[in-house]
C-alpha atoms as a PDB file:
ATOM      1  CA  MET A   1      33.296 -17.302   8.090  1.00  0.00           C
ATOM      2  CA  ARG A   2      30.727 -17.805   5.884  1.00  0.00           C
ATOM      3  CA  THR A   3      29.452 -21.538   6.785  1.00  0.00           C
ATOM      4  CA  LEU A   4      29.316 -23.687   9.968  1.00  0.00           C
ATOM      5  CA  VAL A   5      31.984 -25.941   8.251  1.00  0.00           C
ATOM      6  CA  ASP A   6      34.499 -22.577   7.725  1.00  0.00           C
ATOM      7  CA  LEU A   7      33.845 -21.903  11.349  1.00  0.00           C
ATOM      8  CA  THR A   8      34.740 -25.448  12.910  1.00  0.00           C
ATOM      9  CA  LEU A   9      38.117 -25.323  10.283  1.00  0.00           C
ATOM     10  CA  ALA A  10      39.502 -22.121  11.220  1.00  0.00           C
ATOM     11  CA  PRO A  11      42.585 -22.343  13.202  1.00  0.00           C
ATOM     12  CA  GLY A  12      42.035 -20.142  15.986  1.00  0.00           C
ATOM     13  CA  HIS A  13      38.523 -21.908  16.951  1.00  0.00           C
ATOM     14  CA  ARG A  14      38.812 -23.665  20.069  1.00  0.00           C
ATOM     15  CA  ARG A  15      35.260 -23.487  21.642  1.00  0.00           C
ATOM     16  CA  GLY A  16      31.420 -23.096  19.944  1.00  0.00           C
ATOM     17  CA  HIS A  17      30.622 -19.904  18.354  1.00  0.00           C
ATOM     18  CA  GLY A  18      28.250 -18.875  21.014  1.00  0.00           C
ATOM     19  CA  ALA A  19      25.995 -16.528  19.134  1.00  0.00           C
ATOM     20  CA  LEU A  20      25.560 -19.134  16.606  1.00  0.00           C
ATOM     21  CA  TYR A  21      25.402 -22.003  18.156  1.00  0.00           C
ATOM     22  CA  GLY A  22      22.987 -20.620  20.991  1.00  0.00           C
ATOM     23  CA  ARG A  23      20.646 -19.445  17.705  1.00  0.00           C
ATOM     24  CA  LEU A  24      20.523 -22.942  16.555  1.00  0.00           C
ATOM     25  CA  ASN A  25      19.587 -24.156  19.897  1.00  0.00           C
ATOM     26  CA  GLN A  26      17.151 -21.591  20.409  1.00  0.00           C
ATOM     27  CA  GLY A  27      15.450 -23.324  16.784  1.00  0.00           C
ATOM     28  CA  ARG A  28      15.234 -19.704  15.429  1.00  0.00           C
ATOM     29  CA  ILE A  29      16.511 -20.553  11.772  1.00  0.00           C
ATOM     30  CA  ASN A  30      14.127 -18.801   9.028  1.00  0.00           C
ATOM     31  CA  VAL A  31      13.886 -21.426   6.499  1.00  0.00           C
ATOM     32  CA  ALA A  32      12.476 -19.386   3.949  1.00  0.00           C
ATOM     33  CA  ARG A  33      16.158 -17.561   3.846  1.00  0.00           C
ATOM     34  CA  PRO A  34      18.202 -20.487   2.499  1.00  0.00           C
ATOM     35  CA  ARG A  35      15.545 -22.082   0.189  1.00  0.00           C
ATOM     36  CA  ARG A  36      14.899 -18.384  -1.632  1.00  0.00           C
ATOM     37  CA  ALA A  37      19.148 -18.119  -1.669  1.00  0.00           C
ATOM     38  CA  LEU A  38      19.202 -21.667  -3.290  1.00  0.00           C
ATOM     39  CA  ALA A  39      16.826 -20.775  -6.325  1.00  0.00           C
ATOM     40  CA  GLY A  40      18.458 -17.661  -6.722  1.00  0.00           C
ATOM     41  CA  MET A  41      21.950 -19.799  -7.244  1.00  0.00           C
ATOM     42  CA  PRO A  42      23.311 -20.682 -10.411  1.00  0.00           C
ATOM     43  CA  LEU A  43      21.368 -24.060 -11.757  1.00  0.00           C
ATOM     44  CA  PRO A  44      22.640 -26.611 -13.571  1.00  0.00           C
ATOM     45  CA  ARG A  45      20.845 -27.603 -17.034  1.00  0.00           C
ATOM     46  CA  PRO A  46      20.777 -29.390 -19.896  1.00  0.00           C
ATOM     47  CA  ALA A  47      21.737 -28.061 -23.449  1.00  0.00           C
ATOM     48  CA  ASP A  48      18.608 -27.060 -24.484  1.00  0.00           C
ATOM     49  CA  GLY A  49      18.276 -24.673 -21.238  1.00  0.00           C
ATOM     50  CA  ARG A  50      15.547 -26.013 -19.790  1.00  0.00           C
ATOM     51  CA  LEU A  51      15.173 -26.908 -15.877  1.00  0.00           C
ATOM     52  CA  VAL A  52      14.861 -30.427 -15.203  1.00  0.00           C
ATOM     53  CA  LEU A  53      13.945 -31.380 -11.427  1.00  0.00           C
ATOM     54  CA  ALA A  54      14.007 -34.757  -9.717  1.00  0.00           C
ATOM     55  CA  VAL A  55      12.346 -35.542  -6.899  1.00  0.00           C
ATOM     56  CA  ASP A  56      12.914 -38.730  -4.720  1.00  0.00           C
ATOM     57  CA  ALA A  57      11.795 -39.787  -1.239  1.00  0.00           C
ATOM     58  CA  SER A  58      14.867 -40.776   0.453  1.00  0.00           C
ATOM     59  CA  PRO A  59      15.229 -42.292   4.123  1.00  0.00           C
ATOM     60  CA  TRP A  60      17.692 -41.666   6.788  1.00  0.00           C
ATOM     61  CA  LEU A  61      17.456 -44.748   9.262  1.00  0.00           C
ATOM     62  CA  ARG A  62      17.297 -45.236  12.590  1.00  0.00           C
ATOM     63  CA  PRO A  63      16.575 -48.243  13.671  1.00  0.00           C
ATOM     64  CA  ASP A  64      18.230 -48.076  16.885  1.00  0.00           C
ATOM     65  CA  ALA A  65      17.013 -44.771  17.755  1.00  0.00           C
ATOM     66  CA  SER A  66      13.709 -45.876  19.908  1.00  0.00           C
ATOM     67  CA  THR A  67      13.305 -42.519  21.700  1.00  0.00           C
ATOM     68  CA  CYS A  68      13.488 -40.164  18.467  1.00  0.00           C
ATOM     69  CA  ALA A  69      10.286 -38.503  18.073  1.00  0.00           C
ATOM     70  CA  ASP A  70       8.318 -39.295  14.358  1.00  0.00           C
ATOM     71  CA  ARG A  71      10.234 -42.152  12.834  1.00  0.00           C
ATOM     72  CA  ALA A  72       8.315 -44.136  10.439  1.00  0.00           C
ATOM     73  CA  PHE A  73       8.918 -47.230   9.065  1.00  0.00           C
ATOM     74  CA  CYS A  74      10.680 -46.618   5.543  1.00  0.00           C
ATOM     75  CA  HIS A  75      10.814 -48.948   2.524  1.00  0.00           C
ATOM     76  CA  THR A  76      14.460 -50.010   2.238  1.00  0.00           C
ATOM     77  CA  PHE A  77      16.025 -52.852  -0.435  1.00  0.00           C
ATOM     78  CA  GLY A  78      19.274 -54.687   0.045  1.00  0.00           C
ATOM     79  CA  ARG A  79      20.892 -53.760   3.518  1.00  0.00           C
ATOM     80  CA  GLY A  80      23.280 -57.316   3.139  1.00  0.00           C
ATOM     81  CA  GLU A  81      20.714 -59.320   2.562  1.00  0.00           C
ATOM     82  CA  GLY A  82      18.962 -58.370  -0.844  1.00  0.00           C
ATOM     83  CA  LYS A  83      15.734 -58.070   0.597  1.00  0.00           C
ATOM     84  CA  HIS A  84      13.171 -55.423   0.900  1.00  0.00           C
ATOM     85  CA  GLN A  85      12.674 -54.604   4.345  1.00  0.00           C
ATOM     86  CA  MET A  86      10.900 -51.757   6.440  1.00  0.00           C
ATOM     87  CA  VAL A  87      13.196 -50.061   8.938  1.00  0.00           C
ATOM     88  CA  PRO A  88      11.996 -47.222  11.346  1.00  0.00           C
ATOM     89  CA  GLY A  89      13.722 -43.798  10.394  1.00  0.00           C
ATOM     90  CA  TRP A  90      12.781 -40.588   8.769  1.00  0.00           C
ATOM     91  CA  PRO A  91      11.757 -39.948   5.287  1.00  0.00           C
ATOM     92  CA  TYR A  92      12.921 -36.984   3.607  1.00  0.00           C
ATOM     93  CA  SER A  93      11.673 -35.745   0.100  1.00  0.00           C
ATOM     94  CA  VAL A  94      13.965 -34.190  -1.942  1.00  0.00           C
ATOM     95  CA  VAL A  95      14.204 -31.876  -4.653  1.00  0.00           C
ATOM     96  CA  ALA A  96      17.244 -31.343  -7.218  1.00  0.00           C
ATOM     97  CA  ALA A  97      17.970 -29.701 -10.446  1.00  0.00           C
ATOM     98  CA  LEU A  98      19.511 -31.888 -12.619  1.00  0.00           C
ATOM     99  CA  GLU A  99      21.997 -31.893 -15.945  1.00  0.00           C
ATOM    100  CA  THR A 100      22.504 -34.181 -18.480  1.00  0.00           C
ATOM    101  CA  GLY A 101      25.861 -35.607 -19.277  1.00  0.00           C
ATOM    102  CA  ARG A 102      28.996 -36.985 -17.883  1.00  0.00           C
ATOM    103  CA  THR A 103      29.094 -35.105 -15.159  1.00  0.00           C
ATOM    104  CA  SER A 104      25.568 -35.583 -13.275  1.00  0.00           C
ATOM    105  CA  TRP A 105      26.114 -32.467 -11.311  1.00  0.00           C
ATOM    106  CA  THR A 106      22.969 -31.768  -9.751  1.00  0.00           C
ATOM    107  CA  ALA A 107      22.033 -28.735  -7.138  1.00  0.00           C
ATOM    108  CA  VAL A 108      19.615 -29.680  -4.434  1.00  0.00           C
ATOM    109  CA  LEU A 109      16.590 -27.105  -4.192  1.00  0.00           C
ATOM    110  CA  ASP A 110      14.908 -28.255  -1.140  1.00  0.00           C
ATOM    111  CA  ALA A 111      14.234 -31.168   1.140  1.00  0.00           C
ATOM    112  CA  VAL A 112      11.120 -31.607   3.491  1.00  0.00           C
ATOM    113  CA  ARG A 113      10.760 -34.831   6.022  1.00  0.00           C
ATOM    114  CA  LEU A 114       7.806 -36.804   5.220  1.00  0.00           C
ATOM    115  CA  GLU A 115       5.580 -37.080   8.861  1.00  0.00           C
ATOM    116  CA  PRO A 116       4.521 -40.718   9.396  1.00  0.00           C
ATOM    117  CA  GLY A 117       1.221 -41.040   7.676  1.00  0.00           C
ATOM    118  CA  ALA A 118       1.963 -37.822   5.376  1.00  0.00           C
ATOM    119  CA  ASP A 119       0.040 -38.020   2.185  1.00  0.00           C
ATOM    120  CA  VAL A 120       3.284 -38.568   0.295  1.00  0.00           C
ATOM    121  CA  ALA A 121       1.519 -37.181  -3.431  1.00  0.00           C
ATOM    122  CA  ALA A 122       0.222 -34.165  -2.025  1.00  0.00           C
ATOM    123  CA  GLU A 123       3.052 -32.868   0.013  1.00  0.00           C
ATOM    124  CA  THR A 124       5.421 -33.793  -2.906  1.00  0.00           C
ATOM    125  CA  THR A 125       2.999 -31.654  -5.119  1.00  0.00           C
ATOM    126  CA  VAL A 126       3.184 -28.590  -2.641  1.00  0.00           C
ATOM    127  CA  GLN A 127       7.173 -29.086  -2.115  1.00  0.00           C
ATOM    128  CA  VAL A 128       7.496 -28.580  -5.929  1.00  0.00           C
ATOM    129  CA  ARG A 129       4.827 -26.124  -6.512  1.00  0.00           C
ATOM    130  CA  GLU A 130       6.851 -23.817  -3.888  1.00  0.00           C
ATOM    131  CA  VAL A 131      10.444 -24.542  -5.354  1.00  0.00           C
ATOM    132  CA  ILE A 132       8.850 -23.660  -8.912  1.00  0.00           C
ATOM    133  CA  GLU A 133       7.332 -20.131  -7.467  1.00  0.00           C
ATOM    134  CA  ARG A 134      10.889 -19.668  -5.758  1.00  0.00           C
ATOM    135  CA  LEU A 135      12.544 -20.428  -8.964  1.00  0.00           C
ATOM    136  CA  VAL A 136      10.462 -17.863 -10.684  1.00  0.00           C
ATOM    137  CA  ALA A 137      10.845 -15.387  -8.081  1.00  0.00           C
ATOM    138  CA  ALA A 138      14.782 -15.711  -8.508  1.00  0.00           C
ATOM    139  CA  GLY A 139      14.344 -15.114 -12.022  1.00  0.00           C
ATOM    140  CA  ARG A 140      15.744 -18.737 -12.575  1.00  0.00           C
ATOM    141  CA  TRP A 141      12.544 -19.414 -15.026  1.00  0.00           C
ATOM    142  CA  ARG A 142      11.017 -16.982 -16.976  1.00  0.00           C
ATOM    143  CA  PRO A 143       7.990 -16.745 -19.503  1.00  0.00           C
ATOM    144  CA  GLY A 144       9.181 -18.088 -22.724  1.00  0.00           C
ATOM    145  CA  ASP A 145      11.810 -20.089 -21.370  1.00  0.00           C
ATOM    146  CA  PRO A 146      11.449 -23.868 -22.010  1.00  0.00           C
ATOM    147  CA  GLU A 147       9.245 -25.452 -19.809  1.00  0.00           C
ATOM    148  CA  VAL A 148      10.132 -26.742 -16.132  1.00  0.00           C
ATOM    149  CA  LEU A 149      10.299 -31.117 -16.575  1.00  0.00           C
ATOM    150  CA  VAL A 150       9.566 -32.703 -13.472  1.00  0.00           C
ATOM    151  CA  VAL A 151      10.807 -36.160 -12.961  1.00  0.00           C
ATOM    152  CA  LEU A 152       9.388 -38.330 -10.297  1.00  0.00           C
ATOM    153  CA  ASP A 153       9.607 -42.010  -9.385  1.00  0.00           C
ATOM    154  CA  ALA A 154       6.307 -43.867  -7.801  1.00  0.00           C
END
């Protein structure tokens, strides 16, 4: 099995895989390894070959989870009433590589949970810099390639 999903879909899988889930429960996942692996994967690119990275903050809303730690108030629009609301949850900053064209294929390269009171601009700057450094280290961008375009919103 290569992934947790493969493991749970295996016909002989009737109980938890002790070693894997034991490791997850102990909190010993090396986050840097999957981040490096994602940077080394084939990435979508527009026709000109440049890397286009999009950064967006998206909330994971948890209004009924009052005992969950570190929730913040996340800005939402709509939710059935067509108005701006602040709802408890966790905001995440996500960086994805984009391509142009009809497929709109994206490849998520990084996601960071933004802590309450975080300086979002500073956190995003560090996140984008680290993603680009991993892409350079993985050989996905080299000197002489078109400059990386980073698309952000307010």
